[in-house]
Amino acid sequence: KEYGFTPELATTDANKGLLYNIYNSTAWRMYEDSAELAFAEDLARQATAYQRAALDNGLAKGKNDKVIKNLKAGYSMYADTYAAVLLKSGKYDEGYKIAKEYVLDFSEGNNAEYNAIYAQLAEKVLKPEELKPQLEKFVVNGKSSAGIKAMLQKFHGEQGFADYYANLETQAKRKMKEDLEKKLENKPAPPFALLNLDGSKVDLAELKGKTVIVDFWATWCGPCIASFPGMQKAQEKYKDDPSVKFVFVNAWESAKDVKKDVAEFIKKGAYPFDVLFDLDNKVIESYKVNGIPTKFIVDPKGNIRFTSIGYSGSPDKLVEELSVMIDLARSK
């Protein structure tokens, strides 16, 4: 009950998707607290099996690529919880087998949080010469972590490590810029004028001449909140640059008093964001957002140059990516 899980939930069959989502989130909280790991493992195992069955059913029925991609993403999220619990329980071989599939095959190493769990499991199972090239690839692809860096340092040794790692980071920055240049857009940003937490109106038209980062989010969205430390770092980086403006558009809320709930949420997290209210969800609809967090980089002429969906799990990489986007939006 401490984790919001009661025996009654285990008999709920009306909405299995919701039930296994509760299983997954409960197991993750237990993992974070290192509490009741045997119970957490059982919950995560059931949730992962449910998602795997959904994926296998989609594959068997020949669902289109977009559906399969979403099913793989759902499975990967639940499997990551399961693998993390197995890691903390010392069941390395079992955890590695699961993590290898969702990290290397399904996610293709493109999620920093997944990579971090995988690396810890793989270190227990693989030889350094097998694991090191995989970790180097994570770094070059911009999907690394402090733990992966420390692991590489252990494999490489202290001598010459700084130059070795700096070279990997140089490759990562070059690749990031090349990849982002391929994603450049150039379409008019839908106009909006919304009230913020202070009751002041923020009109996109009045921000012409600035590069504007429009971040759509909601209080219930886990990846949105997980991205906030990185967004805070990015905003801090540009705090003395009047030509860059960050706005955080809150949408898709269902509370009776959205403004009150959001204000309390922002105050509790001490987030220094300019939060705008899209109470009728018309703005998020005009931007054709399908999932959050979704960020749009609007150039000084009022055109969308980049669309960034989701959160890869690394605050520092988010800052780097946004910085490159901002630079390209200004210069192109």
C-alpha atoms as a PDB file:
ATOM      1  CA  LYS A   1       0.000   0.000   0.000  1.00  0.00           C
ATOM      2  CA  GLU A   2       2.977   2.290   0.494  1.00  0.00           C
ATOM      3  CA  TYR A   3       3.393   2.217  -3.292  1.00  0.00           C
ATOM      4  CA  GLY A   4      -0.295   2.632  -4.123  1.00  0.00           C
ATOM      5  CA  PHE A   5      -0.661  -1.077  -4.872  1.00  0.00           C
ATOM      6  CA  THR A   6      -3.430  -3.044  -3.176  1.00  0.00           C
ATOM      7  CA  PRO A   7      -4.456  -6.711  -3.543  1.00  0.00           C
ATOM      8  CA  GLU A   8      -7.729  -5.613  -5.161  1.00  0.00           C
ATOM      9  CA  LEU A   9      -5.807  -4.364  -8.185  1.00  0.00           C
ATOM     10  CA  ALA A  10      -4.496  -7.848  -8.822  1.00  0.00           C
ATOM     11  CA  THR A  11      -8.049  -9.041  -9.521  1.00  0.00           C
ATOM     12  CA  THR A  12      -8.934  -6.167 -11.823  1.00  0.00           C
ATOM     13  CA  ASP A  13      -9.579  -7.453 -15.337  1.00  0.00           C
ATOM     14  CA  ALA A  14     -11.650  -4.644 -16.848  1.00  0.00           C
ATOM     15  CA  ASN A  15      -8.669  -2.798 -18.259  1.00  0.00           C
ATOM     16  CA  LYS A  16      -5.546  -4.936 -18.451  1.00  0.00           C
ATOM     17  CA  GLY A  17      -3.504  -2.208 -20.084  1.00  0.00           C
ATOM     18  CA  LEU A  18      -4.086   0.098 -17.120  1.00  0.00           C
ATOM     19  CA  LEU A  19      -3.461  -2.739 -14.659  1.00  0.00           C
ATOM     20  CA  TYR A  20      -0.075  -3.639 -16.128  1.00  0.00           C
ATOM     21  CA  ASN A  21       0.882   0.013 -16.352  1.00  0.00           C
ATOM     22  CA  ILE A  22       0.312   0.159 -12.585  1.00  0.00           C
ATOM     23  CA  TYR A  23       2.386  -3.026 -12.194  1.00  0.00           C
ATOM     24  CA  ASN A  24       5.229  -1.444 -14.160  1.00  0.00           C
ATOM     25  CA  SER A  25       5.221   1.901 -12.351  1.00  0.00           C
ATOM     26  CA  THR A  26       4.992   0.198  -8.948  1.00  0.00           C
ATOM     27  CA  ALA A  27       7.899  -2.116  -9.795  1.00  0.00           C
ATOM     28  CA  TRP A  28      10.000   0.864 -10.901  1.00  0.00           C
ATOM     29  CA  ARG A  29       9.388   2.733  -7.670  1.00  0.00           C
ATOM     30  CA  MET A  30      10.368  -0.363  -5.692  1.00  0.00           C
ATOM     31  CA  TYR A  31      13.521  -0.638  -7.799  1.00  0.00           C
ATOM     32  CA  GLU A  32      14.411   2.979  -7.043  1.00  0.00           C
ATOM     33  CA  ASP A  33      13.858   2.375  -3.319  1.00  0.00           C
ATOM     34  CA  SER A  34      15.545  -1.079  -3.333  1.00  0.00           C
ATOM     35  CA  ALA A  35      12.410  -2.315  -1.582  1.00  0.00           C
ATOM     36  CA  GLU A  36      10.550  -5.651  -1.857  1.00  0.00           C
ATOM     37  CA  LEU A  37      12.554  -6.646  -4.926  1.00  0.00           C
ATOM     38  CA  ALA A  38      11.029 -10.128  -5.169  1.00  0.00           C
ATOM     39  CA  PHE A  39       7.556  -8.589  -5.389  1.00  0.00           C
ATOM     40  CA  ALA A  40       8.822  -5.924  -7.790  1.00  0.00           C
ATOM     41  CA  GLU A  41      10.304  -8.642  -9.991  1.00  0.00           C
ATOM     42  CA  ASP A  42       6.983 -10.483 -10.150  1.00  0.00           C
ATOM     43  CA  LEU A  43       5.072  -7.326 -11.076  1.00  0.00           C
ATOM     44  CA  ALA A  44       7.643  -6.347 -13.726  1.00  0.00           C
ATOM     45  CA  ARG A  45       7.686  -9.855 -15.164  1.00  0.00           C
ATOM     46  CA  GLN A  46       3.898  -9.867 -15.603  1.00  0.00           C
ATOM     47  CA  ALA A  47       3.835  -6.380 -17.119  1.00  0.00           C
ATOM     48  CA  THR A  48       6.650  -7.238 -19.531  1.00  0.00           C
ATOM     49  CA  ALA A  49       4.967 -10.496 -20.551  1.00  0.00           C
ATOM     50  CA  TYR A  50       1.751  -8.586 -21.277  1.00  0.00           C
ATOM     51  CA  GLN A  51       3.572  -6.073 -23.484  1.00  0.00           C
ATOM     52  CA  ARG A  52       5.513  -8.846 -25.228  1.00  0.00           C
ATOM     53  CA  ALA A  53       2.293 -10.686 -26.023  1.00  0.00           C
ATOM     54  CA  ALA A  54       0.868  -7.498 -27.534  1.00  0.00           C
ATOM     55  CA  LEU A  55       4.007  -7.084 -29.662  1.00  0.00           C
ATOM     56  CA  ASP A  56       4.007 -10.703 -30.819  1.00  0.00           C
ATOM     57  CA  ASN A  57       0.317 -10.433 -31.687  1.00  0.00           C
ATOM     58  CA  GLY A  58       0.996  -7.303 -33.739  1.00  0.00           C
ATOM     59  CA  LEU A  59       3.816  -9.021 -35.600  1.00  0.00           C
ATOM     60  CA  ALA A  60       1.705 -12.126 -36.238  1.00  0.00           C
ATOM     61  CA  LYS A  61      -1.104  -9.999 -37.679  1.00  0.00           C
ATOM     62  CA  GLY A  62       1.284  -8.076 -39.942  1.00  0.00           C
ATOM     63  CA  LYS A  63       0.574  -4.669 -38.442  1.00  0.00           C
ATOM     64  CA  ASN A  64       2.133  -1.670 -40.181  1.00  0.00           C
ATOM     65  CA  ASP A  65       5.557  -0.325 -39.279  1.00  0.00           C
ATOM     66  CA  LYS A  66       4.224   2.550 -37.153  1.00  0.00           C
ATOM     67  CA  VAL A  67       2.120   0.210 -35.001  1.00  0.00           C
ATOM     68  CA  ILE A  68       5.016  -2.223 -34.572  1.00  0.00           C
ATOM     69  CA  LYS A  69       7.340   0.635 -33.645  1.00  0.00           C
ATOM     70  CA  ASN A  70       4.914   1.762 -30.926  1.00  0.00           C
ATOM     71  CA  LEU A  71       4.504  -1.793 -29.657  1.00  0.00           C
ATOM     72  CA  LYS A  72       8.274  -2.216 -29.467  1.00  0.00           C
ATOM     73  CA  ALA A  73       8.550   1.079 -27.589  1.00  0.00           C
ATOM     74  CA  GLY A  74       5.928  -0.057 -25.059  1.00  0.00           C
ATOM     75  CA  TYR A  75       7.629  -3.394 -24.587  1.00  0.00           C
ATOM     76  CA  SER A  76      11.049  -1.757 -24.216  1.00  0.00           C
ATOM     77  CA  MET A  77       9.786   0.549 -21.460  1.00  0.00           C
ATOM     78  CA  TYR A  78       8.375  -2.334 -19.412  1.00  0.00           C
ATOM     79  CA  ALA A  79      11.341  -4.600 -20.151  1.00  0.00           C
ATOM     80  CA  ASP A  80      13.700  -1.877 -18.922  1.00  0.00           C
ATOM     81  CA  THR A  81      11.936  -1.903 -15.554  1.00  0.00           C
ATOM     82  CA  TYR A  82      12.187  -5.703 -15.439  1.00  0.00           C
ATOM     83  CA  ALA A  83      15.878  -5.663 -16.370  1.00  0.00           C
ATOM     84  CA  ALA A  84      16.605  -2.964 -13.780  1.00  0.00           C
ATOM     85  CA  VAL A  85      14.959  -5.009 -11.025  1.00  0.00           C
ATOM     86  CA  LEU A  86      16.898  -8.111 -12.103  1.00  0.00           C
ATOM     87  CA  LEU A  87      20.109  -6.058 -12.033  1.00  0.00           C
ATOM     88  CA  LYS A  88      19.484  -4.936  -8.481  1.00  0.00           C
ATOM     89  CA  SER A  89      18.530  -8.512  -7.521  1.00  0.00           C
ATOM     90  CA  GLY A  90      21.849  -9.810  -8.844  1.00  0.00           C
ATOM     91  CA  LYS A  91      20.250 -11.850 -11.652  1.00  0.00           C
ATOM     92  CA  TYR A  92      22.667 -10.567 -14.268  1.00  0.00           C
ATOM     93  CA  ASP A  93      22.411 -13.261 -16.958  1.00  0.00           C
ATOM     94  CA  GLU A  94      18.618 -13.103 -17.016  1.00  0.00           C
ATOM     95  CA  GLY A  95      18.599  -9.318 -17.015  1.00  0.00           C
ATOM     96  CA  TYR A  96      21.235  -9.089 -19.746  1.00  0.00           C
ATOM     97  CA  LYS A  97      19.274 -11.399 -22.051  1.00  0.00           C
ATOM     98  CA  ILE A  98      16.229  -9.129 -21.761  1.00  0.00           C
ATOM     99  CA  ALA A  99      18.156  -5.850 -21.999  1.00  0.00           C
ATOM    100  CA  LYS A 100      20.187  -6.945 -25.028  1.00  0.00           C
ATOM    101  CA  GLU A 101      17.027  -7.334 -27.090  1.00  0.00           C
ATOM    102  CA  TYR A 102      15.265  -4.080 -26.219  1.00  0.00           C
ATOM    103  CA  VAL A 103      18.463  -1.990 -26.259  1.00  0.00           C
ATOM    104  CA  LEU A 104      20.394  -3.321 -29.239  1.00  0.00           C
ATOM    105  CA  ASP A 105      17.575  -4.698 -31.400  1.00  0.00           C
ATOM    106  CA  PHE A 106      14.426  -2.689 -30.660  1.00  0.00           C
ATOM    107  CA  SER A 107      15.749   0.679 -29.456  1.00  0.00           C
ATOM    108  CA  GLU A 108      19.013   0.430 -31.445  1.00  0.00           C
ATOM    109  CA  GLY A 109      20.916   2.046 -28.590  1.00  0.00           C
ATOM    110  CA  ASN A 110      18.976   5.305 -28.943  1.00  0.00           C
ATOM    111  CA  ASN A 111      17.826   5.660 -25.339  1.00  0.00           C
ATOM    112  CA  ALA A 112      20.409   6.787 -22.790  1.00  0.00           C
ATOM    113  CA  GLU A 113      18.453   5.481 -19.796  1.00  0.00           C
ATOM    114  CA  TYR A 114      18.047   2.032 -21.343  1.00  0.00           C
ATOM    115  CA  ASN A 115      21.725   2.003 -22.299  1.00  0.00           C
ATOM    116  CA  ALA A 116      22.734   2.735 -18.703  1.00  0.00           C
ATOM    117  CA  ILE A 117      20.885  -0.335 -17.361  1.00  0.00           C
ATOM    118  CA  TYR A 118      22.160  -2.472 -20.231  1.00  0.00           C
ATOM    119  CA  ALA A 119      25.775  -1.426 -19.610  1.00  0.00           C
ATOM    120  CA  GLN A 120      25.608  -2.405 -15.948  1.00  0.00           C
ATOM    121  CA  LEU A 121      24.203  -5.827 -16.817  1.00  0.00           C
ATOM    122  CA  ALA A 122      26.554  -6.370 -19.762  1.00  0.00           C
ATOM    123  CA  GLU A 123      29.576  -5.562 -17.601  1.00  0.00           C
ATOM    124  CA  LYS A 124      28.696  -8.590 -15.476  1.00  0.00           C
ATOM    125  CA  VAL A 125      28.278 -10.898 -18.465  1.00  0.00           C
ATOM    126  CA  LEU A 126      30.543  -9.780 -21.326  1.00  0.00           C
ATOM    127  CA  LYS A 127      34.296  -9.446 -21.570  1.00  0.00           C
ATOM    128  CA  PRO A 128      35.584  -5.839 -21.659  1.00  0.00           C
ATOM    129  CA  GLU A 129      36.764  -6.214 -25.256  1.00  0.00           C
ATOM    130  CA  GLU A 130      33.212  -7.207 -26.252  1.00  0.00           C
ATOM    131  CA  LEU A 131      31.454  -4.440 -24.350  1.00  0.00           C
ATOM    132  CA  LYS A 132      33.822  -1.525 -24.968  1.00  0.00           C
ATOM    133  CA  PRO A 133      32.938  -1.001 -28.684  1.00  0.00           C
ATOM    134  CA  GLN A 134      29.234  -0.969 -27.789  1.00  0.00           C
ATOM    135  CA  LEU A 135      29.767   1.681 -25.124  1.00  0.00           C
ATOM    136  CA  GLU A 136      31.873   3.764 -27.510  1.00  0.00           C
ATOM    137  CA  LYS A 137      28.991   3.651 -29.988  1.00  0.00           C
ATOM    138  CA  PHE A 138      26.589   4.884 -27.313  1.00  0.00           C
ATOM    139  CA  VAL A 139      28.878   7.872 -26.689  1.00  0.00           C
ATOM    140  CA  VAL A 140      29.311   8.702 -30.381  1.00  0.00           C
ATOM    141  CA  ASN A 141      25.542   8.466 -30.884  1.00  0.00           C
ATOM    142  CA  GLY A 142      24.983  10.871 -27.982  1.00  0.00           C
ATOM    143  CA  LYS A 143      23.158   8.247 -25.899  1.00  0.00           C
ATOM    144  CA  SER A 144      25.609   7.777 -23.044  1.00  0.00           C
ATOM    145  CA  SER A 145      25.730   8.505 -19.303  1.00  0.00           C
ATOM    146  CA  ALA A 146      28.176   9.265 -16.509  1.00  0.00           C
ATOM    147  CA  GLY A 147      28.149   5.574 -15.601  1.00  0.00           C
ATOM    148  CA  ILE A 148      29.110   4.541 -19.118  1.00  0.00           C
ATOM    149  CA  LYS A 149      31.928   7.076 -19.120  1.00  0.00           C
ATOM    150  CA  ALA A 150      33.227   5.659 -15.832  1.00  0.00           C
ATOM    151  CA  MET A 151      33.038   2.143 -17.259  1.00  0.00           C
ATOM    152  CA  LEU A 152      35.015   3.148 -20.333  1.00  0.00           C
ATOM    153  CA  GLN A 153      37.607   4.788 -18.100  1.00  0.00           C
ATOM    154  CA  LYS A 154      37.985   1.530 -16.197  1.00  0.00           C
ATOM    155  CA  PHE A 155      38.405  -0.433 -19.425  1.00  0.00           C
ATOM    156  CA  HIS A 156      40.772   2.083 -21.023  1.00  0.00           C
ATOM    157  CA  GLY A 157      42.829   3.048 -17.975  1.00  0.00           C
ATOM    158  CA  GLU A 158      43.769   6.501 -16.707  1.00  0.00           C
ATOM    159  CA  GLN A 159      46.643   7.121 -19.116  1.00  0.00           C
ATOM    160  CA  GLY A 160      45.425   8.969 -22.200  1.00  0.00           C
ATOM    161  CA  PHE A 161      41.759   8.624 -21.228  1.00  0.00           C
ATOM    162  CA  ALA A 162      40.987  12.347 -21.404  1.00  0.00           C
ATOM    163  CA  ASP A 163      42.136  12.561 -25.042  1.00  0.00           C
ATOM    164  CA  TYR A 164      40.453   9.264 -25.907  1.00  0.00           C
ATOM    165  CA  TYR A 165      37.083  10.375 -24.492  1.00  0.00           C
ATOM    166  CA  ALA A 166      37.375  13.883 -25.940  1.00  0.00           C
ATOM    167  CA  ASN A 167      37.755  12.288 -29.366  1.00  0.00           C
ATOM    168  CA  LEU A 168      34.563  10.280 -28.841  1.00  0.00           C
ATOM    169  CA  GLU A 169      32.717  13.453 -27.822  1.00  0.00           C
ATOM    170  CA  THR A 170      34.016  15.305 -30.880  1.00  0.00           C
ATOM    171  CA  GLN A 171      32.669  12.507 -33.067  1.00  0.00           C
ATOM    172  CA  ALA A 172      29.361  12.693 -31.169  1.00  0.00           C
ATOM    173  CA  LYS A 173      28.978  16.441 -31.751  1.00  0.00           C
ATOM    174  CA  ARG A 174      29.846  16.105 -35.431  1.00  0.00           C
ATOM    175  CA  LYS A 175      27.345  13.276 -35.874  1.00  0.00           C
ATOM    176  CA  MET A 176      24.640  15.144 -33.966  1.00  0.00           C
ATOM    177  CA  LYS A 177      25.000  18.195 -36.201  1.00  0.00           C
ATOM    178  CA  GLU A 178      24.990  16.086 -39.365  1.00  0.00           C
ATOM    179  CA  ASP A 179      21.888  14.191 -38.222  1.00  0.00           C
ATOM    180  CA  LEU A 180      20.048  17.362 -37.216  1.00  0.00           C
ATOM    181  CA  GLU A 181      20.850  19.141 -40.479  1.00  0.00           C
ATOM    182  CA  LYS A 182      18.979  16.327 -42.240  1.00  0.00           C
ATOM    183  CA  LYS A 183      15.931  17.044 -40.068  1.00  0.00           C
ATOM    184  CA  LEU A 184      15.702  20.766 -40.783  1.00  0.00           C
ATOM    185  CA  GLU A 185      12.167  21.934 -41.545  1.00  0.00           C
ATOM    186  CA  ASN A 186      10.833  25.250 -42.771  1.00  0.00           C
ATOM    187  CA  LYS A 187       7.115  25.749 -42.214  1.00  0.00           C
ATOM    188  CA  PRO A 188       5.117  28.539 -40.542  1.00  0.00           C
ATOM    189  CA  ALA A 189       4.558  28.014 -36.833  1.00  0.00           C
ATOM    190  CA  PRO A 190       0.826  28.088 -35.966  1.00  0.00           C
ATOM    191  CA  PRO A 191       0.092  31.333 -34.088  1.00  0.00           C
ATOM    192  CA  PHE A 192      -0.937  31.353 -30.458  1.00  0.00           C
ATOM    193  CA  ALA A 193      -1.549  33.830 -27.650  1.00  0.00           C
ATOM    194  CA  LEU A 194      -1.842  32.168 -24.242  1.00  0.00           C
ATOM    195  CA  LEU A 195      -1.893  33.278 -20.627  1.00  0.00           C
ATOM    196  CA  ASN A 196       0.985  32.238 -18.386  1.00  0.00           C
ATOM    197  CA  LEU A 197       1.154  31.497 -14.664  1.00  0.00           C
ATOM    198  CA  ASP A 198       1.239  35.219 -13.878  1.00  0.00           C
ATOM    199  CA  GLY A 199      -1.839  35.888 -15.969  1.00  0.00           C
ATOM    200  CA  SER A 200       0.176  37.723 -18.641  1.00  0.00           C
ATOM    201  CA  LYS A 201      -0.466  37.046 -22.318  1.00  0.00           C
ATOM    202  CA  VAL A 202       2.383  35.553 -24.344  1.00  0.00           C
ATOM    203  CA  ASP A 203       1.870  36.026 -28.074  1.00  0.00           C
ATOM    204  CA  LEU A 204       4.111  34.100 -30.459  1.00  0.00           C
ATOM    205  CA  ALA A 205       3.761  36.892 -33.020  1.00  0.00           C
ATOM    206  CA  GLU A 206       5.361  39.307 -30.571  1.00  0.00           C
ATOM    207  CA  LEU A 207       8.363  36.998 -30.242  1.00  0.00           C
ATOM    208  CA  LYS A 208       9.382  37.451 -33.892  1.00  0.00           C
ATOM    209  CA  GLY A 209      13.099  38.099 -34.055  1.00  0.00           C
ATOM    210  CA  LYS A 210      13.772  35.517 -31.330  1.00  0.00           C
ATOM    211  CA  THR A 211      14.457  31.804 -31.558  1.00  0.00           C
ATOM    212  CA  VAL A 212      11.620  30.252 -29.558  1.00  0.00           C
ATOM    213  CA  ILE A 213      11.597  26.794 -27.970  1.00  0.00           C
ATOM    214  CA  VAL A 214       7.982  25.675 -27.558  1.00  0.00           C
ATOM    215  CA  ASP A 215       7.754  22.682 -25.210  1.00  0.00           C
ATOM    216  CA  PHE A 216       4.380  20.896 -24.933  1.00  0.00           C
ATOM    217  CA  TRP A 217       3.991  19.001 -21.656  1.00  0.00           C
ATOM    218  CA  ALA A 218       1.592  17.820 -18.912  1.00  0.00           C
ATOM    219  CA  THR A 219       1.907  17.161 -15.190  1.00  0.00           C
ATOM    220  CA  TRP A 220       1.049  13.449 -15.626  1.00  0.00           C
ATOM    221  CA  CYS A 221       3.663  12.888 -18.349  1.00  0.00           C
ATOM    222  CA  GLY A 222       6.668  11.012 -16.928  1.00  0.00           C
ATOM    223  CA  PRO A 223       9.064  11.698 -19.837  1.00  0.00           C
ATOM    224  CA  CYS A 224       8.074  15.400 -19.750  1.00  0.00           C
ATOM    225  CA  ILE A 225       9.044  15.688 -16.102  1.00  0.00           C
ATOM    226  CA  ALA A 226      12.177  13.589 -16.615  1.00  0.00           C
ATOM    227  CA  SER A 227      13.264  16.079 -19.287  1.00  0.00           C
ATOM    228  CA  PHE A 228      12.842  19.121 -17.016  1.00  0.00           C
ATOM    229  CA  PRO A 229      16.360  19.036 -15.474  1.00  0.00           C
ATOM    230  CA  GLY A 230      17.796  19.153 -18.989  1.00  0.00           C
ATOM    231  CA  MET A 231      15.370  21.877 -20.044  1.00  0.00           C
ATOM    232  CA  GLN A 232      16.318  23.866 -16.957  1.00  0.00           C
ATOM    233  CA  LYS A 233      20.007  23.549 -17.867  1.00  0.00           C
ATOM    234  CA  ALA A 234      19.268  24.641 -21.427  1.00  0.00           C
ATOM    235  CA  GLN A 235      17.279  27.647 -20.269  1.00  0.00           C
ATOM    236  CA  GLU A 236      20.060  28.570 -17.849  1.00  0.00           C
ATOM    237  CA  LYS A 237      22.602  28.398 -20.669  1.00  0.00           C
ATOM    238  CA  TYR A 238      20.677  31.031 -22.655  1.00  0.00           C
ATOM    239  CA  LYS A 239      19.463  33.194 -19.745  1.00  0.00           C
ATOM    240  CA  ASP A 240      21.679  36.102 -20.831  1.00  0.00           C
ATOM    241  CA  ASP A 241      20.771  35.776 -24.500  1.00  0.00           C
ATOM    242  CA  PRO A 242      17.695  37.935 -25.224  1.00  0.00           C
ATOM    243  CA  SER A 243      17.367  36.391 -28.690  1.00  0.00           C
ATOM    244  CA  VAL A 244      16.323  32.989 -27.245  1.00  0.00           C
ATOM    245  CA  LYS A 245      12.989  32.363 -25.488  1.00  0.00           C
ATOM    246  CA  PHE A 246      11.694  29.172 -23.831  1.00  0.00           C
ATOM    247  CA  VAL A 247       7.940  28.634 -23.329  1.00  0.00           C
ATOM    248  CA  PHE A 248       6.375  25.555 -21.739  1.00  0.00           C
ATOM    249  CA  VAL A 249       2.851  24.994 -23.037  1.00  0.00           C
ATOM    250  CA  ASN A 250       0.759  22.917 -20.646  1.00  0.00           C
ATOM    251  CA  ALA A 251      -1.952  20.869 -22.373  1.00  0.00           C
ATOM    252  CA  TRP A 252      -3.977  17.646 -22.173  1.00  0.00           C
ATOM    253  CA  GLU A 253      -4.745  18.074 -18.481  1.00  0.00           C
ATOM    254  CA  SER A 254      -7.948  16.682 -16.958  1.00  0.00           C
ATOM    255  CA  ALA A 255      -7.970  18.234 -13.472  1.00  0.00           C
ATOM    256  CA  LYS A 256     -10.929  20.396 -12.420  1.00  0.00           C
ATOM    257  CA  ASP A 257      -8.648  23.322 -11.599  1.00  0.00           C
ATOM    258  CA  VAL A 258      -5.773  23.001 -14.049  1.00  0.00           C
ATOM    259  CA  LYS A 259      -4.228  26.371 -13.250  1.00  0.00           C
ATOM    260  CA  LYS A 260      -4.084  25.638  -9.532  1.00  0.00           C
ATOM    261  CA  ASP A 261      -2.675  22.129  -9.990  1.00  0.00           C
ATOM    262  CA  VAL A 262      -0.045  23.258 -12.480  1.00  0.00           C
ATOM    263  CA  ALA A 263       0.966  26.235 -10.350  1.00  0.00           C
ATOM    264  CA  GLU A 264       1.451  23.958  -7.320  1.00  0.00           C
ATOM    265  CA  PHE A 265       3.387  21.461  -9.428  1.00  0.00           C
ATOM    266  CA  ILE A 266       5.744  24.117 -10.766  1.00  0.00           C
ATOM    267  CA  LYS A 267       6.220  25.648  -7.325  1.00  0.00           C
ATOM    268  CA  LYS A 268       6.966  22.269  -5.729  1.00  0.00           C
ATOM    269  CA  GLY A 269       9.568  21.460  -8.383  1.00  0.00           C
ATOM    270  CA  ALA A 270      10.983  25.009  -8.257  1.00  0.00           C
ATOM    271  CA  TYR A 271      10.990  25.063 -12.056  1.00  0.00           C
ATOM    272  CA  PRO A 272      11.884  28.545 -13.407  1.00  0.00           C
ATOM    273  CA  PHE A 273       9.756  28.109 -16.517  1.00  0.00           C
ATOM    274  CA  ASP A 274       7.376  30.432 -18.359  1.00  0.00           C
ATOM    275  CA  VAL A 275       4.366  28.099 -18.329  1.00  0.00           C
ATOM    276  CA  LEU A 276       1.495  28.842 -20.723  1.00  0.00           C
ATOM    277  CA  PHE A 277      -1.996  27.336 -20.455  1.00  0.00           C
ATOM    278  CA  ASP A 278      -3.549  25.653 -23.495  1.00  0.00           C
ATOM    279  CA  LEU A 279      -6.750  24.921 -21.585  1.00  0.00           C
ATOM    280  CA  ASP A 280      -8.887  23.987 -24.592  1.00  0.00           C
ATOM    281  CA  ASN A 281      -6.026  22.091 -26.300  1.00  0.00           C
ATOM    282  CA  LYS A 282      -6.480  24.092 -29.492  1.00  0.00           C
ATOM    283  CA  VAL A 283      -2.816  25.082 -29.735  1.00  0.00           C
ATOM    284  CA  ILE A 284      -1.464  21.575 -29.263  1.00  0.00           C
ATOM    285  CA  GLU A 285      -3.937  20.408 -31.900  1.00  0.00           C
ATOM    286  CA  SER A 286      -2.815  23.127 -34.314  1.00  0.00           C
ATOM    287  CA  TYR A 287       0.769  21.866 -33.940  1.00  0.00           C
ATOM    288  CA  LYS A 288      -0.467  18.311 -34.693  1.00  0.00           C
ATOM    289  CA  VAL A 289       1.206  16.873 -31.604  1.00  0.00           C
ATOM    290  CA  ASN A 290       0.664  13.125 -31.169  1.00  0.00           C
ATOM    291  CA  GLY A 291       2.649  12.574 -27.990  1.00  0.00           C
ATOM    292  CA  ILE A 292       4.473  14.551 -25.326  1.00  0.00           C
ATOM    293  CA  PRO A 293       6.952  15.903 -24.624  1.00  0.00           C
ATOM    294  CA  THR A 294       7.201  17.469 -28.055  1.00  0.00           C
ATOM    295  CA  LYS A 295       9.372  20.528 -28.656  1.00  0.00           C
ATOM    296  CA  PHE A 296       9.359  22.886 -31.625  1.00  0.00           C
ATOM    297  CA  ILE A 297      12.265  25.179 -32.465  1.00  0.00           C
ATOM    298  CA  VAL A 298      10.849  28.303 -34.094  1.00  0.00           C
ATOM    299  CA  ASP A 299      13.300  30.545 -35.904  1.00  0.00           C
ATOM    300  CA  PRO A 300      13.364  34.394 -35.729  1.00  0.00           C
ATOM    301  CA  LYS A 301      11.106  34.581 -38.808  1.00  0.00           C
ATOM    302  CA  GLY A 302       8.399  32.515 -37.124  1.00  0.00           C
ATOM    303  CA  ASN A 303       9.047  29.237 -38.927  1.00  0.00           C
ATOM    304  CA  ILE A 304       9.356  25.788 -37.352  1.00  0.00           C
ATOM    305  CA  ARG A 305      12.835  24.460 -38.084  1.00  0.00           C
ATOM    306  CA  PHE A 306      12.909  21.409 -35.800  1.00  0.00           C
ATOM    307  CA  THR A 307      10.424  19.062 -34.126  1.00  0.00           C
ATOM    308  CA  SER A 308      11.781  17.012 -31.223  1.00  0.00           C
ATOM    309  CA  ILE A 309       9.587  14.231 -29.826  1.00  0.00           C
ATOM    310  CA  GLY A 310      10.153  12.406 -26.538  1.00  0.00           C
ATOM    311  CA  TYR A 311      13.127  12.361 -24.209  1.00  0.00           C
ATOM    312  CA  SER A 312      16.243  10.214 -24.626  1.00  0.00           C
ATOM    313  CA  GLY A 313      17.131  10.161 -20.930  1.00  0.00           C
ATOM    314  CA  SER A 314      20.240  12.367 -20.732  1.00  0.00           C
ATOM    315  CA  PRO A 315      19.958  15.988 -19.507  1.00  0.00           C
ATOM    316  CA  ASP A 316      23.384  16.942 -20.873  1.00  0.00           C
ATOM    317  CA  LYS A 317      22.640  15.472 -24.286  1.00  0.00           C
ATOM    318  CA  LEU A 318      19.326  17.320 -24.368  1.00  0.00           C
ATOM    319  CA  VAL A 319      21.169  20.589 -23.752  1.00  0.00           C
ATOM    320  CA  GLU A 320      23.683  19.796 -26.499  1.00  0.00           C
ATOM    321  CA  GLU A 321      20.951  18.849 -28.951  1.00  0.00           C
ATOM    322  CA  LEU A 322      18.894  21.965 -28.251  1.00  0.00           C
ATOM    323  CA  SER A 323      22.013  24.112 -28.570  1.00  0.00           C
ATOM    324  CA  VAL A 324      22.769  22.722 -32.022  1.00  0.00           C
ATOM    325  CA  MET A 325      19.122  23.166 -33.063  1.00  0.00           C
ATOM    326  CA  ILE A 326      19.109  26.765 -31.871  1.00  0.00           C
ATOM    327  CA  ASP A 327      22.352  27.523 -33.727  1.00  0.00           C
ATOM    328  CA  LEU A 328      21.086  25.943 -36.938  1.00  0.00           C
ATOM    329  CA  ALA A 329      17.683  27.674 -36.656  1.00  0.00           C
ATOM    330  CA  ARG A 330      19.423  31.037 -36.370  1.00  0.00           C
ATOM    331  CA  SER A 331      21.855  30.459 -39.209  1.00  0.00           C
ATOM    332  CA  LYS A 332      19.843  28.703 -41.888  1.00  0.00           C
END
